[in-house]
Structure formats: C-alpha cells, structure tokens
Amino acid sequence: HLNSQIYNQSNTDYLKAIDSKEFIIGFYEDQNGTLYFYNSHGLIFSLDNRNVVQKFSFPDIGRLFFITRTRQNEFLFVTANGLYITKNLATKPVNSMHLNILNVFQASGTNFTIL
C-alpha cells in the first residue's frame, strides 16, 4: 500500500514474479530495505529497492517457519529440522543446530520463541 493504492500481481509487473503454488507464510525486511517472502517449503523470493525479484529454493531444509538475519548479517532459517545459516541466498544453508521444532512465534523484531 502506497499513496492510497494497493499493489498486487494484477497491477504491478514485478510482483508477478512472486508466484508460489503454496501459501506465503511470512516476510522479512532487512536493513537495506530488501523484502523476503517465503513459504513453508523453503521457497524464498527477494524484492529489492530497485523492484528486482529473485527466487531461491531450499526444499531440503525441512518445513520453514521463520527467516531473519544474525548479528553477523547471515541469514538464519528456523525450520522443523533445526537452525540453518548461510551468508547469502546463493549458497545452500548449513544446519548449525539440530532441533525438533514444532512451531515458532515471532515476539518482536527479530526475537522469536521456539516450541
């Protein structure tokens, strides 16, 4: 929503590239203003401030609950199989902690609670 207009795939060409057969469960905005939209199957779309959309897919990480960045500016994926980290989305994330996670709840900002 900007200037009293709602933007979607029907009226904005670059949003047509954000196409997922599965429900988009969340989004994250980094300090550069890039938006990351993701579904639970590890499909991630990034939308930068030049309106460029990129698509990344990590189906092997398990059910994706949440995305954020660490203090070291690495991507952190919270999944049903544990925590995965990667420096950039062009590189496959590695499992940094094996956990059996049932669900994740975002508390505020980049804080979250794991069950």
Protein backbone atom coordinates (compact mmCIF):
# COMPACT_ATOMS: atom_id res chain seq x y z
CA HIS A 1 0.00 0.00 0.00
CA LEU A 2 1.45 3.33 -1.08
CA ASN A 3 -0.21 6.66 -1.87
CA SER A 4 -3.70 5.17 -1.33
CA GLN A 5 -3.08 2.36 -3.84
CA ILE A 6 -2.77 -1.34 -3.09
CA TYR A 7 -0.18 -3.08 -5.26
CA ASN A 8 -0.61 -6.71 -6.30
CA GLN A 9 0.20 -9.13 -9.13
CA SER A 10 -2.62 -7.76 -11.27
CA ASN A 11 -1.42 -4.15 -11.37
CA THR A 12 2.35 -4.39 -10.77
CA ASP A 13 4.57 -6.31 -13.20
CA TYR A 14 7.43 -7.13 -10.83
CA LEU A 15 5.03 -8.66 -8.29
CA LYS A 16 4.00 -11.23 -10.93
CA ALA A 17 7.42 -12.84 -10.38
CA ILE A 18 6.43 -13.65 -6.78
CA ASP A 19 4.45 -16.72 -7.69
CA SER A 20 4.12 -19.60 -5.27
CA LYS A 21 1.80 -22.58 -5.51
CA GLU A 22 1.98 -22.74 -1.72
CA PHE A 23 0.79 -20.06 0.69
CA ILE A 24 3.34 -17.34 1.50
CA ILE A 25 3.60 -17.68 5.28
CA GLY A 26 5.77 -14.71 6.10
CA PHE A 27 8.07 -11.94 5.07
CA TYR A 28 11.15 -10.27 6.41
CA GLU A 29 12.72 -6.88 5.64
CA ASP A 30 16.46 -6.43 6.09
CA GLN A 31 18.35 -3.23 6.91
CA ASN A 32 18.77 -2.47 3.17
CA GLY A 33 15.02 -2.46 2.59
CA THR A 34 15.01 -5.79 0.73
CA LEU A 35 11.85 -7.79 1.35
CA TYR A 36 11.95 -11.60 1.57
CA PHE A 37 8.70 -13.52 1.10
CA TYR A 38 8.71 -17.24 1.91
CA ASN A 39 6.57 -20.34 2.12
CA SER A 40 6.92 -23.34 4.41
CA HIS A 41 8.58 -25.43 1.65
CA GLY A 42 11.75 -23.31 1.54
CA LEU A 43 10.78 -21.17 -1.46
CA ILE A 44 12.03 -17.60 -0.96
CA PHE A 45 11.52 -14.50 -3.09
CA SER A 46 13.57 -11.36 -2.53
CA LEU A 47 12.35 -7.94 -3.70
CA ASP A 48 14.98 -5.21 -3.56
CA ASN A 49 14.53 -1.42 -3.61
CA ARG A 50 15.03 -1.41 -7.42
CA ASN A 51 11.98 -3.72 -7.72
CA VAL A 52 14.13 -6.68 -8.80
CA VAL A 53 12.72 -10.06 -7.75
CA GLN A 54 14.94 -13.10 -7.23
CA LYS A 55 13.78 -16.64 -6.46
CA PHE A 56 15.61 -19.11 -4.20
CA SER A 57 14.60 -22.64 -3.27
CA PHE A 58 15.82 -24.74 -0.35
CA PRO A 59 13.43 -27.74 -0.18
CA ASP A 60 15.92 -29.90 1.76
CA ILE A 61 15.95 -27.78 4.93
CA GLY A 62 12.56 -29.03 6.13
CA ARG A 63 9.45 -27.06 6.98
CA LEU A 64 10.42 -23.38 7.09
CA PHE A 65 8.93 -21.36 9.94
CA PHE A 66 10.87 -18.12 10.09
CA ILE A 67 13.66 -16.10 8.43
CA THR A 68 15.83 -13.40 9.98
CA ARG A 69 19.45 -12.22 9.96
CA THR A 70 22.02 -12.77 12.68
CA ARG A 71 24.19 -10.04 14.19
CA GLN A 72 26.89 -11.23 11.77
CA ASN A 73 24.44 -10.44 8.90
CA GLU A 74 23.97 -14.11 7.98
CA PHE A 75 20.56 -15.49 7.05
CA LEU A 76 19.06 -17.64 9.79
CA PHE A 77 16.33 -20.12 8.84
CA VAL A 78 14.28 -21.65 11.64
CA THR A 79 12.92 -24.97 10.35
CA ALA A 80 11.31 -28.12 11.71
CA ASN A 81 14.75 -29.78 11.40
CA GLY A 82 16.67 -27.09 13.27
CA LEU A 83 18.51 -23.85 12.59
CA TYR A 84 20.19 -23.24 9.24
CA ILE A 85 22.63 -20.45 8.39
CA THR A 86 24.01 -19.05 5.13
CA LYS A 87 25.93 -15.90 4.28
CA ASN A 88 23.82 -15.28 1.17
CA LEU A 89 20.88 -16.89 -0.57
CA ALA A 90 23.02 -18.04 -3.49
CA THR A 91 24.67 -20.54 -1.11
CA LYS A 92 22.91 -23.58 0.34
CA PRO A 93 22.27 -23.13 4.08
CA VAL A 94 24.02 -25.46 6.53
CA ASN A 95 22.42 -26.91 9.63
CA SER A 96 24.01 -25.18 12.60
CA MET A 97 21.85 -26.79 15.28
CA HIS A 98 19.76 -29.95 15.05
CA LEU A 99 16.45 -29.45 16.83
CA ASN A 100 12.98 -30.95 16.62
CA ILE A 101 10.88 -27.77 16.32
CA LEU A 102 7.09 -27.86 16.45
CA ASN A 103 6.37 -24.18 15.86
CA VAL A 104 7.87 -20.70 16.04
CA PHE A 105 6.25 -17.50 17.25
CA GLN A 106 7.69 -14.09 16.48
CA ALA A 107 7.80 -11.95 19.63
CA SER A 108 9.05 -8.59 18.31
CA GLY A 109 11.54 -7.53 15.68
CA THR A 110 13.98 -10.41 15.26
CA ASN A 111 13.07 -12.07 18.59
CA PHE A 112 11.19 -15.35 18.46
CA THR A 113 10.07 -18.23 20.66
CA ILE A 114 10.63 -21.85 19.61
CA LEU A 115 8.43 -24.75 20.74
